């Protein structure tokens, strides 16, 4: 299991991509559930397993905190839905205009080559 607890990475506020966010919680959750489901008859085994389970819960909490800080660094996370739609429309308009310019350039180039 990968332990991604580098706190220097948390303090770096450069943007992340979605693929960089560590949200692999299932193995830890599975271990916690598995340890809770066990039925020990020996008190020392119960105490040891309880301590291990508490440690796993702390590990999960730490991993959740790291994921929260990583999610806050995702680009665009601070935009609400209306801002995202507005930005999308702006980009769509820019794309349309650039396509039109490219088409005009291609037409002009083909026009010039036809006269040579």
PDB file of N, CA and C in Angstrom:
ATOM      1  N   UNK A   1       0.841  -1.170   0.000  1.00  0.00           N
ATOM      2  CA  UNK A   1       0.000   0.000   0.000  1.00  0.00           C
ATOM      3  C   UNK A   1       0.888   1.235   0.000  1.00  0.00           C
ATOM      4  N   UNK A   2       0.545   2.221  -0.826  1.00  0.00           N
ATOM      5  CA  UNK A   2       1.339   3.424  -0.954  1.00  0.00           C
ATOM      6  C   UNK A   2       0.976   4.400   0.153  1.00  0.00           C
ATOM      7  N   UNK A   3       2.000   4.904   0.840  1.00  0.00           N
ATOM      8  CA  UNK A   3       1.776   5.853   1.918  1.00  0.00           C
ATOM      9  C   UNK A   3       2.172   7.231   1.426  1.00  0.00           C
ATOM     10  N   UNK A   4       1.194   8.063   1.134  1.00  0.00           N
ATOM     11  CA  UNK A   4       1.439   9.371   0.552  1.00  0.00           C
ATOM     12  C   UNK A   4       1.243  10.438   1.618  1.00  0.00           C
ATOM     13  N   UNK A   5       2.210  10.546   2.544  1.00  0.00           N
ATOM     14  CA  UNK A   5       2.067  11.476   3.658  1.00  0.00           C
ATOM     15  C   UNK A   5       3.127  12.552   3.625  1.00  0.00           C
ATOM     16  N   UNK A   6       3.584  12.928   2.457  1.00  0.00           N
ATOM     17  CA  UNK A   6       4.603  13.960   2.324  1.00  0.00           C
ATOM     18  C   UNK A   6       3.970  15.322   2.588  1.00  0.00           C
ATOM     19  N   UNK A   7       4.286  15.910   3.751  1.00  0.00           N
ATOM     20  CA  UNK A   7       3.672  17.170   4.123  1.00  0.00           C
ATOM     21  C   UNK A   7       4.226  18.333   3.323  1.00  0.00           C
ATOM     22  N   UNK A   8       5.415  18.215   2.761  1.00  0.00           N
ATOM     23  CA  UNK A   8       5.939  19.287   1.923  1.00  0.00           C
ATOM     24  C   UNK A   8       5.102  19.419   0.658  1.00  0.00           C
ATOM     25  N   UNK A   9       4.526  18.317   0.200  1.00  0.00           N
ATOM     26  CA  UNK A   9       3.654  18.348  -0.961  1.00  0.00           C
ATOM     27  C   UNK A   9       2.356  19.094  -0.638  1.00  0.00           C
ATOM     28  N   UNK A  10       1.903  18.969   0.601  1.00  0.00           N
ATOM     29  CA  UNK A  10       0.684  19.659   1.003  1.00  0.00           C
ATOM     30  C   UNK A  10       0.889  21.165   1.011  1.00  0.00           C
ATOM     31  N   UNK A  11       2.072  21.613   1.369  1.00  0.00           N
ATOM     32  CA  UNK A  11       2.335  23.030   1.479  1.00  0.00           C
ATOM     33  C   UNK A  11       2.605  23.676   0.125  1.00  0.00           C
ATOM     34  N   UNK A  12       2.809  22.896  -0.893  1.00  0.00           N
ATOM     35  CA  UNK A  12       3.036  23.402  -2.229  1.00  0.00           C
ATOM     36  C   UNK A  12       1.671  23.657  -2.871  1.00  0.00           C
ATOM     37  N   UNK A  13       1.384  24.917  -3.183  1.00  0.00           N
ATOM     38  CA  UNK A  13       0.053  25.258  -3.669  1.00  0.00           C
ATOM     39  C   UNK A  13      -0.025  25.342  -5.180  1.00  0.00           C
ATOM     40  N   UNK A  14       0.848  24.634  -5.871  1.00  0.00           N
ATOM     41  CA  UNK A  14       0.749  24.601  -7.319  1.00  0.00           C
ATOM     42  C   UNK A  14      -0.450  23.751  -7.710  1.00  0.00           C
ATOM     43  N   UNK A  15      -1.079  24.069  -8.843  1.00  0.00           N
ATOM     44  CA  UNK A  15      -2.267  23.316  -9.259  1.00  0.00           C
ATOM     45  C   UNK A  15      -1.948  21.851  -9.529  1.00  0.00           C
ATOM     46  N   UNK A  16      -2.910  21.017  -9.278  1.00  0.00           N
ATOM     47  CA  UNK A  16      -2.804  19.583  -9.548  1.00  0.00           C
ATOM     48  C   UNK A  16      -3.766  19.214 -10.658  1.00  0.00           C
ATOM     49  N   UNK A  17      -3.539  18.060 -11.249  1.00  0.00           N
ATOM     50  CA  UNK A  17      -4.542  17.503 -12.145  1.00  0.00           C
ATOM     51  C   UNK A  17      -5.370  16.494 -11.344  1.00  0.00           C
ATOM     52  N   UNK A  18      -6.500  16.145 -11.866  1.00  0.00           N
ATOM     53  CA  UNK A  18      -7.388  15.216 -11.168  1.00  0.00           C
ATOM     54  C   UNK A  18      -6.699  13.873 -10.938  1.00  0.00           C
ATOM     55  N   UNK A  19      -5.855  13.448 -11.873  1.00  0.00           N
ATOM     56  CA  UNK A  19      -5.155  12.175 -11.744  1.00  0.00           C
ATOM     57  C   UNK A  19      -4.161  12.172 -10.589  1.00  0.00           C
ATOM     58  N   UNK A  20      -3.697  13.346 -10.171  1.00  0.00           N
ATOM     59  CA  UNK A  20      -2.715  13.439  -9.092  1.00  0.00           C
ATOM     60  C   UNK A  20      -3.329  13.339  -7.701  1.00  0.00           C
ATOM     61  N   UNK A  21      -4.654  13.502  -7.593  1.00  0.00           N
ATOM     62  CA  UNK A  21      -5.310  13.477  -6.287  1.00  0.00           C
ATOM     63  C   UNK A  21      -5.387  12.029  -5.807  1.00  0.00           C
ATOM     64  N   UNK A  22      -4.903  11.793  -4.599  1.00  0.00           N
ATOM     65  CA  UNK A  22      -4.879  10.448  -4.028  1.00  0.00           C
ATOM     66  C   UNK A  22      -6.175  10.195  -3.264  1.00  0.00           C
ATOM     67  N   UNK A  23      -7.092   9.454  -3.886  1.00  0.00           N
ATOM     68  CA  UNK A  23      -8.374   9.145  -3.262  1.00  0.00           C
ATOM     69  C   UNK A  23      -8.578   7.633  -3.127  1.00  0.00           C
ATOM     70  N   UNK A  24      -7.500   6.927  -2.910  1.00  0.00           N
ATOM     71  CA  UNK A  24      -7.565   5.474  -2.787  1.00  0.00           C
ATOM     72  C   UNK A  24      -7.807   5.100  -1.323  1.00  0.00           C
ATOM     73  N   UNK A  25      -9.066   5.197  -0.898  1.00  0.00           N
ATOM     74  CA  UNK A  25      -9.435   4.951   0.494  1.00  0.00           C
ATOM     75  C   UNK A  25      -9.918   3.525   0.744  1.00  0.00           C
ATOM     76  N   UNK A  26     -10.337   2.822  -0.292  1.00  0.00           N
ATOM     77  CA  UNK A  26     -10.962   1.516  -0.102  1.00  0.00           C
ATOM     78  C   UNK A  26     -10.112   0.499   0.653  1.00  0.00           C
ATOM     79  N   UNK A  27      -8.803   0.384   0.389  1.00  0.00           N
ATOM     80  CA  UNK A  27      -8.025  -0.603   1.148  1.00  0.00           C
ATOM     81  C   UNK A  27      -8.050  -0.340   2.664  1.00  0.00           C
ATOM     82  N   UNK A  28      -7.955   0.921   3.051  1.00  0.00           N
ATOM     83  CA  UNK A  28      -7.964   1.245   4.485  1.00  0.00           C
ATOM     84  C   UNK A  28      -9.340   0.984   5.078  1.00  0.00           C
ATOM     85  N   UNK A  29     -10.393   1.378   4.365  1.00  0.00           N
ATOM     86  CA  UNK A  29     -11.761   1.137   4.851  1.00  0.00           C
ATOM     87  C   UNK A  29     -12.003  -0.359   4.984  1.00  0.00           C
ATOM     88  N   UNK A  30     -11.535  -1.126   4.000  1.00  0.00           N
ATOM     89  CA  UNK A  30     -11.698  -2.581   4.054  1.00  0.00           C
ATOM     90  C   UNK A  30     -10.998  -3.166   5.286  1.00  0.00           C
ATOM     91  N   UNK A  31      -9.780  -2.701   5.545  1.00  0.00           N
ATOM     92  CA  UNK A  31      -9.044  -3.204   6.712  1.00  0.00           C
ATOM     93  C   UNK A  31      -9.762  -2.855   8.014  1.00  0.00           C
ATOM     94  N   UNK A  32     -10.326  -1.661   8.089  1.00  0.00           N
ATOM     95  CA  UNK A  32     -11.057  -1.257   9.295  1.00  0.00           C
ATOM     96  C   UNK A  32     -12.287  -2.137   9.484  1.00  0.00           C
ATOM     97  N   UNK A  33     -13.045  -2.329   8.430  1.00  0.00           N
ATOM     98  CA  UNK A  33     -14.262  -3.168   8.523  1.00  0.00           C
ATOM     99  C   UNK A  33     -13.895  -4.597   8.882  1.00  0.00           C
ATOM    100  N   UNK A  34     -12.850  -5.116   8.252  1.00  0.00           N
ATOM    101  CA  UNK A  34     -12.430  -6.488   8.533  1.00  0.00           C
ATOM    102  C   UNK A  34     -12.011  -6.651  10.000  1.00  0.00           C
ATOM    103  N   UNK A  35     -11.309  -5.657  10.532  1.00  0.00           N
ATOM    104  CA  UNK A  35     -10.865  -5.775  11.922  1.00  0.00           C
ATOM    105  C   UNK A  35     -12.033  -5.629  12.902  1.00  0.00           C
ATOM    106  N   UNK A  36     -13.037  -4.854  12.529  1.00  0.00           N
ATOM    107  CA  UNK A  36     -14.208  -4.705  13.404  1.00  0.00           C
ATOM    108  C   UNK A  36     -15.054  -5.969  13.394  1.00  0.00           C
ATOM    109  N   UNK A  37     -15.111  -6.655  12.273  1.00  0.00           N
ATOM    110  CA  UNK A  37     -15.931  -7.860  12.145  1.00  0.00           C
ATOM    111  C   UNK A  37     -15.360  -9.064  12.891  1.00  0.00           C
ATOM    112  N   UNK A  38     -14.066  -9.062  13.156  1.00  0.00           N
ATOM    113  CA  UNK A  38     -13.449 -10.203  13.833  1.00  0.00           C
ATOM    114  C   UNK A  38     -13.985 -10.323  15.248  1.00  0.00           C
ATOM    115  N   UNK A  39     -14.167 -11.561  15.662  1.00  0.00           N
ATOM    116  CA  UNK A  39     -14.658 -11.826  17.011  1.00  0.00           C
ATOM    117  C   UNK A  39     -13.580 -12.603  17.767  1.00  0.00           C
ATOM    118  N   UNK A  40     -12.892 -11.902  18.671  1.00  0.00           N
ATOM    119  CA  UNK A  40     -11.823 -12.525  19.447  1.00  0.00           C
ATOM    120  C   UNK A  40     -12.357 -12.912  20.830  1.00  0.00           C
ATOM    121  N   UNK A  41     -11.936 -14.083  21.278  1.00  0.00           N
ATOM    122  CA  UNK A  41     -12.331 -14.542  22.604  1.00  0.00           C
ATOM    123  C   UNK A  41     -11.285 -14.163  23.648  1.00  0.00           C
ATOM    124  N   UNK A  42     -10.091 -13.914  23.205  1.00  0.00           N
ATOM    125  CA  UNK A  42      -8.990 -13.553  24.088  1.00  0.00           C
ATOM    126  C   UNK A  42      -8.958 -12.030  24.258  1.00  0.00           C
ATOM    127  N   UNK A  43      -8.921 -11.556  25.507  1.00  0.00           N
ATOM    128  CA  UNK A  43      -8.942 -10.122  25.775  1.00  0.00           C
ATOM    129  C   UNK A  43      -7.703  -9.409  25.252  1.00  0.00           C
ATOM    130  N   UNK A  44      -6.544 -10.050  25.330  1.00  0.00           N
ATOM    131  CA  UNK A  44      -5.328  -9.405  24.833  1.00  0.00           C
ATOM    132  C   UNK A  44      -5.389  -9.251  23.309  1.00  0.00           C
ATOM    133  N   UNK A  45      -5.965 -10.232  22.622  1.00  0.00           N
ATOM    134  CA  UNK A  45      -6.118 -10.139  21.171  1.00  0.00           C
ATOM    135  C   UNK A  45      -7.117  -9.040  20.824  1.00  0.00           C
ATOM    136  N   UNK A  46      -8.183  -8.918  21.625  1.00  0.00           N
ATOM    137  CA  UNK A  46      -9.158  -7.848  21.399  1.00  0.00           C
ATOM    138  C   UNK A  46      -8.506  -6.482  21.564  1.00  0.00           C
ATOM    139  N   UNK A  47      -7.704  -6.322  22.600  1.00  0.00           N
ATOM    140  CA  UNK A  47      -7.047  -5.040  22.861  1.00  0.00           C
ATOM    141  C   UNK A  47      -6.065  -4.704  21.739  1.00  0.00           C
ATOM    142  N   UNK A  48      -5.293  -5.697  21.300  1.00  0.00           N
ATOM    143  CA  UNK A  48      -4.327  -5.478  20.223  1.00  0.00           C
ATOM    144  C   UNK A  48      -5.057  -5.099  18.932  1.00  0.00           C
ATOM    145  N   UNK A  49      -6.120  -5.812  18.617  1.00  0.00           N
ATOM    146  CA  UNK A  49      -6.881  -5.539  17.404  1.00  0.00           C
ATOM    147  C   UNK A  49      -7.567  -4.170  17.486  1.00  0.00           C
ATOM    148  N   UNK A  50      -8.023  -3.798  18.669  1.00  0.00           N
ATOM    149  CA  UNK A  50      -8.639  -2.490  18.858  1.00  0.00           C
ATOM    150  C   UNK A  50      -7.619  -1.373  18.629  1.00  0.00           C
ATOM    151  N   UNK A  51      -6.407  -1.572  19.121  1.00  0.00           N
ATOM    152  CA  UNK A  51      -5.355  -0.580  18.913  1.00  0.00           C
ATOM    153  C   UNK A  51      -4.995  -0.472  17.431  1.00  0.00           C
ATOM    154  N   UNK A  52      -4.924  -1.614  16.757  1.00  0.00           N
ATOM    155  CA  UNK A  52      -4.624  -1.607  15.325  1.00  0.00           C
ATOM    156  C   UNK A  52      -5.736  -0.918  14.542  1.00  0.00           C
ATOM    157  N   UNK A  53      -6.983  -1.175  14.938  1.00  0.00           N
ATOM    158  CA  UNK A  53      -8.124  -0.557  14.273  1.00  0.00           C
ATOM    159  C   UNK A  53      -8.099   0.958  14.479  1.00  0.00           C
ATOM    160  N   UNK A  54      -7.778   1.394  15.690  1.00  0.00           N
ATOM    161  CA  UNK A  54      -7.680   2.827  15.962  1.00  0.00           C
ATOM    162  C   UNK A  54      -6.584   3.460  15.105  1.00  0.00           C
ATOM    163  N   UNK A  55      -5.481   2.761  14.949  1.00  0.00           N
ATOM    164  CA  UNK A  55      -4.385   3.263  14.108  1.00  0.00           C
ATOM    165  C   UNK A  55      -4.838   3.378  12.656  1.00  0.00           C
ATOM    166  N   UNK A  56      -5.615   2.406  12.182  1.00  0.00           N
ATOM    167  CA  UNK A  56      -6.108   2.439  10.802  1.00  0.00           C
ATOM    168  C   UNK A  56      -7.099   3.580  10.604  1.00  0.00           C
ATOM    169  N   UNK A  57      -7.910   3.850  11.617  1.00  0.00           N
ATOM    170  CA  UNK A  57      -8.847   4.974  11.533  1.00  0.00           C
ATOM    171  C   UNK A  57      -8.071   6.288  11.453  1.00  0.00           C
ATOM    172  N   UNK A  58      -7.013   6.420  12.234  1.00  0.00           N
ATOM    173  CA  UNK A  58      -6.174   7.618  12.172  1.00  0.00           C
ATOM    174  C   UNK A  58      -5.511   7.750  10.803  1.00  0.00           C
ATOM    175  N   UNK A  59      -5.078   6.628  10.256  1.00  0.00           N
ATOM    176  CA  UNK A  59      -4.468   6.633   8.929  1.00  0.00           C
ATOM    177  C   UNK A  59      -5.482   7.085   7.874  1.00  0.00           C
ATOM    178  N   UNK A  60      -6.726   6.605   8.005  1.00  0.00           N
ATOM    179  CA  UNK A  60      -7.781   7.016   7.081  1.00  0.00           C
ATOM    180  C   UNK A  60      -8.053   8.514   7.212  1.00  0.00           C
ATOM    181  N   UNK A  61      -8.116   9.004   8.439  1.00  0.00           N
ATOM    182  CA  UNK A  61      -8.351  10.430   8.665  1.00  0.00           C
ATOM    183  C   UNK A  61      -7.243  11.274   8.030  1.00  0.00           C
ATOM    184  N   UNK A  62      -6.008  10.834   8.187  1.00  0.00           N
ATOM    185  CA  UNK A  62      -4.869  11.549   7.601  1.00  0.00           C
ATOM    186  C   UNK A  62      -4.965  11.555   6.077  1.00  0.00           C
ATOM    187  N   UNK A  63      -5.340  10.412   5.511  1.00  0.00           N
ATOM    188  CA  UNK A  63      -5.464  10.305   4.063  1.00  0.00           C
ATOM    189  C   UNK A  63      -6.600  11.197   3.547  1.00  0.00           C
ATOM    190  N   UNK A  64      -7.695  11.281   4.303  1.00  0.00           N
ATOM    191  CA  UNK A  64      -8.802  12.165   3.925  1.00  0.00           C
ATOM    192  C   UNK A  64      -8.375  13.631   3.975  1.00  0.00           C
ATOM    193  N   UNK A  65      -7.607  13.989   4.994  1.00  0.00           N
ATOM    194  CA  UNK A  65      -7.114  15.370   5.107  1.00  0.00           C
ATOM    195  C   UNK A  65      -6.208  15.734   3.929  1.00  0.00           C
ATOM    196  N   UNK A  66      -5.342  14.805   3.548  1.00  0.00           N
ATOM    197  CA  UNK A  66      -4.449  15.040   2.404  1.00  0.00           C
ATOM    198  C   UNK A  66      -5.272  15.198   1.128  1.00  0.00           C
ATOM    199  N   UNK A  67      -6.291  14.350   0.954  1.00  0.00           N
ATOM    200  CA  UNK A  67      -7.142  14.444  -0.239  1.00  0.00           C
ATOM    201  C   UNK A  67      -7.876  15.787  -0.268  1.00  0.00           C
ATOM    202  N   UNK A  68      -8.360  16.238   0.879  1.00  0.00           N
ATOM    203  CA  UNK A  68      -9.040  17.544   0.941  1.00  0.00           C
ATOM    204  C   UNK A  68      -8.102  18.666   0.494  1.00  0.00           C
ATOM    205  N   UNK A  69      -6.868  18.632   1.006  1.00  0.00           N
ATOM    206  CA  UNK A  69      -5.925  19.693   0.634  1.00  0.00           C
ATOM    207  C   UNK A  69      -5.561  19.602  -0.847  1.00  0.00           C
ATOM    208  N   UNK A  70      -5.482  18.390  -1.398  1.00  0.00           N
ATOM    209  CA  UNK A  70      -5.181  18.237  -2.818  1.00  0.00           C
ATOM    210  C   UNK A  70      -6.342  18.724  -3.679  1.00  0.00           C
ATOM    211  N   UNK A  71      -7.559  18.422  -3.257  1.00  0.00           N
ATOM    212  CA  UNK A  71      -8.740  18.840  -4.016  1.00  0.00           C
ATOM    213  C   UNK A  71      -8.827  20.364  -4.065  1.00  0.00           C
ATOM    214  N   UNK A  72      -8.459  21.025  -2.981  1.00  0.00           N
ATOM    215  CA  UNK A  72      -8.483  22.486  -2.957  1.00  0.00           C
ATOM    216  C   UNK A  72      -7.511  23.088  -3.959  1.00  0.00           C
ATOM    217  N   UNK A  73      -6.497  22.322  -4.373  1.00  0.00           N
ATOM    218  CA  UNK A  73      -5.497  22.795  -5.327  1.00  0.00           C
ATOM    219  C   UNK A  73      -5.876  22.518  -6.783  1.00  0.00           C
ATOM    220  N   UNK A  74      -7.001  21.852  -7.020  1.00  0.00           N
ATOM    221  CA  UNK A  74      -7.412  21.575  -8.396  1.00  0.00           C
ATOM    222  C   UNK A  74      -7.799  22.877  -9.092  1.00  0.00           C
ATOM    223  N   UNK A  75      -7.374  23.046 -10.330  1.00  0.00           N
ATOM    224  CA  UNK A  75      -7.741  24.281 -11.042  1.00  0.00           C
ATOM    225  C   UNK A  75      -9.244  24.327 -11.298  1.00  0.00           C
ATOM    226  N   UNK A  76      -9.827  25.498 -11.035  1.00  0.00           N
ATOM    227  CA  UNK A  76     -11.250  25.689 -11.289  1.00  0.00           C
ATOM    228  C   UNK A  76     -12.151  25.286 -10.147  1.00  0.00           C
ATOM    229  N   UNK A  77     -11.585  24.750  -9.070  1.00  0.00           N
ATOM    230  CA  UNK A  77     -12.415  24.271  -7.966  1.00  0.00           C
ATOM    231  C   UNK A  77     -13.138  25.420  -7.269  1.00  0.00           C
ATOM    232  N   UNK A  78     -12.595  26.629  -7.405  1.00  0.00           N
ATOM    233  CA  UNK A  78     -13.200  27.777  -6.744  1.00  0.00           C
ATOM    234  C   UNK A  78     -14.326  28.412  -7.561  1.00  0.00           C
ATOM    235  N   UNK A  79     -14.587  27.913  -8.776  1.00  0.00           N
ATOM    236  CA  UNK A  79     -15.679  28.434  -9.601  1.00  0.00           C
ATOM    237  C   UNK A  79     -16.992  27.766  -9.227  1.00  0.00           C
ATOM    238  N   UNK A  80     -18.068  28.546  -9.195  1.00  0.00           N
ATOM    239  CA  UNK A  80     -19.384  27.942  -9.019  1.00  0.00           C
ATOM    240  C   UNK A  80     -19.904  27.511 -10.391  1.00  0.00           C
ATOM    241  N   UNK A  81     -21.068  26.925 -10.419  1.00  0.00           N
ATOM    242  CA  UNK A  81     -21.597  26.365 -11.665  1.00  0.00           C
ATOM    243  C   UNK A  81     -21.781  27.446 -12.733  1.00  0.00           C
ATOM    244  N   UNK A  82     -22.298  28.603 -12.348  1.00  0.00           N
ATOM    245  CA  UNK A  82     -22.522  29.679 -13.317  1.00  0.00           C
ATOM    246  C   UNK A  82     -21.194  30.168 -13.900  1.00  0.00           C
ATOM    247  N   UNK A  83     -20.164  30.290 -13.056  1.00  0.00           N
ATOM    248  CA  UNK A  83     -18.851  30.709 -13.538  1.00  0.00           C
ATOM    249  C   UNK A  83     -18.256  29.686 -14.498  1.00  0.00           C
ATOM    250  N   UNK A  84     -18.456  28.420 -14.191  1.00  0.00           N
ATOM    251  CA  UNK A  84     -17.950  27.362 -15.064  1.00  0.00           C
ATOM    252  C   UNK A  84     -18.647  27.398 -16.419  1.00  0.00           C
ATOM    253  N   UNK A  85     -19.967  27.598 -16.409  1.00  0.00           N
ATOM    254  CA  UNK A  85     -20.720  27.667 -17.667  1.00  0.00           C
ATOM    255  C   UNK A  85     -20.277  28.886 -18.473  1.00  0.00           C
ATOM    256  N   UNK A  86     -20.086  30.009 -17.790  1.00  0.00           N
ATOM    257  CA  UNK A  86     -19.634  31.232 -18.462  1.00  0.00           C
ATOM    258  C   UNK A  86     -18.258  31.023 -19.091  1.00  0.00           C
ATOM    259  N   UNK A  87     -17.328  30.420 -18.342  1.00  0.00           N
ATOM    260  CA  UNK A  87     -15.985  30.147 -18.856  1.00  0.00           C
ATOM    261  C   UNK A  87     -16.042  29.174 -20.029  1.00  0.00           C
ATOM    262  N   UNK A  88     -16.901  28.191 -19.940  1.00  0.00           N
ATOM    263  CA  UNK A  88     -17.064  27.221 -21.029  1.00  0.00           C
ATOM    264  C   UNK A  88     -17.555  27.915 -22.295  1.00  0.00           C
ATOM    265  N   UNK A  89     -18.526  28.795 -22.161  1.00  0.00           N
ATOM    266  CA  UNK A  89     -19.054  29.519 -23.318  1.00  0.00           C
ATOM    267  C   UNK A  89     -17.991  30.433 -23.933  1.00  0.00           C
ATOM    268  N   UNK A  90     -17.192  31.073 -23.081  1.00  0.00           N
ATOM    269  CA  UNK A  90     -16.105  31.917 -23.591  1.00  0.00           C
ATOM    270  C   UNK A  90     -15.119  31.075 -24.397  1.00  0.00           C
ATOM    271  N   UNK A  91     -14.736  29.942 -23.859  1.00  0.00           N
ATOM    272  CA  UNK A  91     -13.795  29.058 -24.562  1.00  0.00           C
ATOM    273  C   UNK A  91     -14.400  28.504 -25.845  1.00  0.00           C
ATOM    274  N   UNK A  92     -15.685  28.180 -25.814  1.00  0.00           N
ATOM    275  CA  UNK A  92     -16.357  27.675 -27.008  1.00  0.00           C
ATOM    276  C   UNK A  92     -16.370  28.752 -28.104  1.00  0.00           C
ATOM    277  N   UNK A  93     -16.627  29.994 -27.719  1.00  0.00           N
ATOM    278  CA  UNK A  93     -16.623  31.094 -28.681  1.00  0.00           C
ATOM    279  C   UNK A  93     -15.224  31.297 -29.263  1.00  0.00           C
ATOM    280  N   UNK A  94     -14.210  31.257 -28.398  1.00  0.00           N
ATOM    281  CA  UNK A  94     -12.832  31.385 -28.879  1.00  0.00           C
ATOM    282  C   UNK A  94     -12.490  30.279 -29.871  1.00  0.00           C
ATOM    283  N   UNK A  95     -12.906  29.056 -29.565  1.00  0.00           N
ATOM    284  CA  UNK A  95     -12.644  27.930 -30.461  1.00  0.00           C
ATOM    285  C   UNK A  95     -13.327  28.137 -31.806  1.00  0.00           C
ATOM    286  N   UNK A  96     -14.570  28.578 -31.795  1.00  0.00           N
ATOM    287  CA  UNK A  96     -15.309  28.813 -33.029  1.00  0.00           C
ATOM    288  C   UNK A  96     -14.611  29.882 -33.876  1.00  0.00           C
ATOM    289  N   UNK A  97     -14.194  30.985 -33.233  1.00  0.00           N
ATOM    290  CA  UNK A  97     -13.516  32.058 -33.958  1.00  0.00           C
ATOM    291  C   UNK A  97     -12.183  31.593 -34.544  1.00  0.00           C
ATOM    292  N   UNK A  98     -11.447  30.819 -33.802  1.00  0.00           N
ATOM    293  CA  UNK A  98     -10.166  30.305 -34.299  1.00  0.00           C
ATOM    294  C   UNK A  98     -10.369  29.341 -35.457  1.00  0.00           C
ATOM    295  N   UNK A  99     -11.410  28.529 -35.387  1.00  0.00           N
ATOM    296  CA  UNK A  99     -11.707  27.626 -36.503  1.00  0.00           C
ATOM    297  C   UNK A  99     -12.070  28.419 -37.759  1.00  0.00           C
ATOM    298  N   UNK A 100     -12.853  29.482 -37.565  1.00  0.00           N
ATOM    299  CA  UNK A 100     -13.228  30.321 -38.698  1.00  0.00           C
ATOM    300  C   UNK A 100     -11.989  30.973 -39.320  1.00  0.00           C
ATOM    301  N   UNK A 101     -11.086  31.470 -38.466  1.00  0.00           N
ATOM    302  CA  UNK A 101      -9.852  32.073 -38.978  1.00  0.00           C
ATOM    303  C   UNK A 101      -9.003  31.068 -39.735  1.00  0.00           C
ATOM    304  N   UNK A 102      -8.902  29.863 -39.209  1.00  0.00           N
ATOM    305  CA  UNK A 102      -8.142  28.811 -39.895  1.00  0.00           C
ATOM    306  C   UNK A 102      -8.763  28.486 -41.251  1.00  0.00           C
ATOM    307  N   UNK A 103     -10.077  28.418 -41.273  1.00  0.00           N
ATOM    308  CA  UNK A 103     -10.764  28.121 -42.530  1.00  0.00           C
ATOM    309  C   UNK A 103     -10.527  29.230 -43.548  1.00  0.00           C
ATOM    310  N   UNK A 104     -10.576  30.482 -43.103  1.00  0.00           N
ATOM    311  CA  UNK A 104     -10.304  31.604 -44.011  1.00  0.00           C
ATOM    312  C   UNK A 104      -8.868  31.538 -44.521  1.00  0.00           C
ATOM    313  N   UNK A 105      -7.944  31.206 -43.641  1.00  0.00           N
ATOM    314  CA  UNK A 105      -6.534  31.101 -44.046  1.00  0.00           C
ATOM    315  C   UNK A 105      -6.349  29.986 -45.073  1.00  0.00           C
ATOM    316  N   UNK A 106      -6.976  28.849 -44.827  1.00  0.00           N
ATOM    317  CA  UNK A 106      -6.875  27.729 -45.772  1.00  0.00           C
ATOM    318  C   UNK A 106      -7.466  28.107 -47.122  1.00  0.00           C
ATOM    319  N   UNK A 107      -8.621  28.782 -47.074  1.00  0.00           N
ATOM    320  CA  UNK A 107      -9.251  29.196 -48.332  1.00  0.00           C
ATOM    321  C   UNK A 107      -8.362  30.183 -49.084  1.00  0.00           C
ATOM    322  N   UNK A 108      -7.737  31.107 -48.344  1.00  0.00           N
ATOM    323  CA  UNK A 108      -6.871  32.090 -48.964  1.00  0.00           C
ATOM    324  C   UNK A 108      -5.639  31.412 -49.556  1.00  0.00           C
ATOM    325  N   UNK A 109      -5.062  30.454 -48.843  1.00  0.00           N
ATOM    326  CA  UNK A 109      -3.893  29.735 -49.343  1.00  0.00           C
ATOM    327  C   UNK A 109      -4.229  28.931 -50.583  1.00  0.00           C
ATOM    328  N   UNK A 110      -5.374  28.278 -50.569  1.00  0.00           N
ATOM    329  CA  UNK A 110      -5.767  27.497 -51.740  1.00  0.00           C
ATOM    330  C   UNK A 110      -6.096  28.402 -52.910  1.00  0.00           C
ATOM    331  N   UNK A 111      -6.624  29.572 -52.648  1.00  0.00           N
ATOM    332  CA  UNK A 111      -6.924  30.545 -53.695  1.00  0.00           C
ATOM    333  C   UNK A 111      -5.639  31.039 -54.330  1.00  0.00           C
ATOM    334  N   UNK A 112      -4.608  31.332 -53.502  1.00  0.00           N
ATOM    335  CA  UNK A 112      -3.336  31.817 -54.026  1.00  0.00           C
ATOM    336  C   UNK A 112      -2.615  30.750 -54.830  1.00  0.00           C
ATOM    337  N   UNK A 113      -2.680  29.509 -54.405  1.00  0.00           N
ATOM    338  CA  UNK A 113      -1.996  28.445 -55.127  1.00  0.00           C
ATOM    339  C   UNK A 113      -2.680  28.139 -56.452  1.00  0.00           C
ATOM    340  N   UNK A 114      -3.956  28.430 -56.565  1.00  0.00           N
ATOM    341  CA  UNK A 114      -4.649  28.159 -57.813  1.00  0.00           C
ATOM    342  C   UNK A 114      -4.254  29.142 -58.912  1.00  0.00           C
ATOM    343  N   UNK A 115      -3.727  30.331 -58.524  1.00  0.00           N
ATOM    344  CA  UNK A 115      -3.293  31.314 -59.505  1.00  0.00           C
ATOM    345  C   UNK A 115      -1.812  31.184 -59.865  1.00  0.00           C
ATOM    346  N   UNK A 116      -1.087  30.332 -59.246  1.00  0.00           N
ATOM    347  CA  UNK A 116       0.340  30.191 -59.556  1.00  0.00           C
ATOM    348  C   UNK A 116       0.585  29.281 -60.695  1.00  0.00           C
TER     349      UNK A 116
END
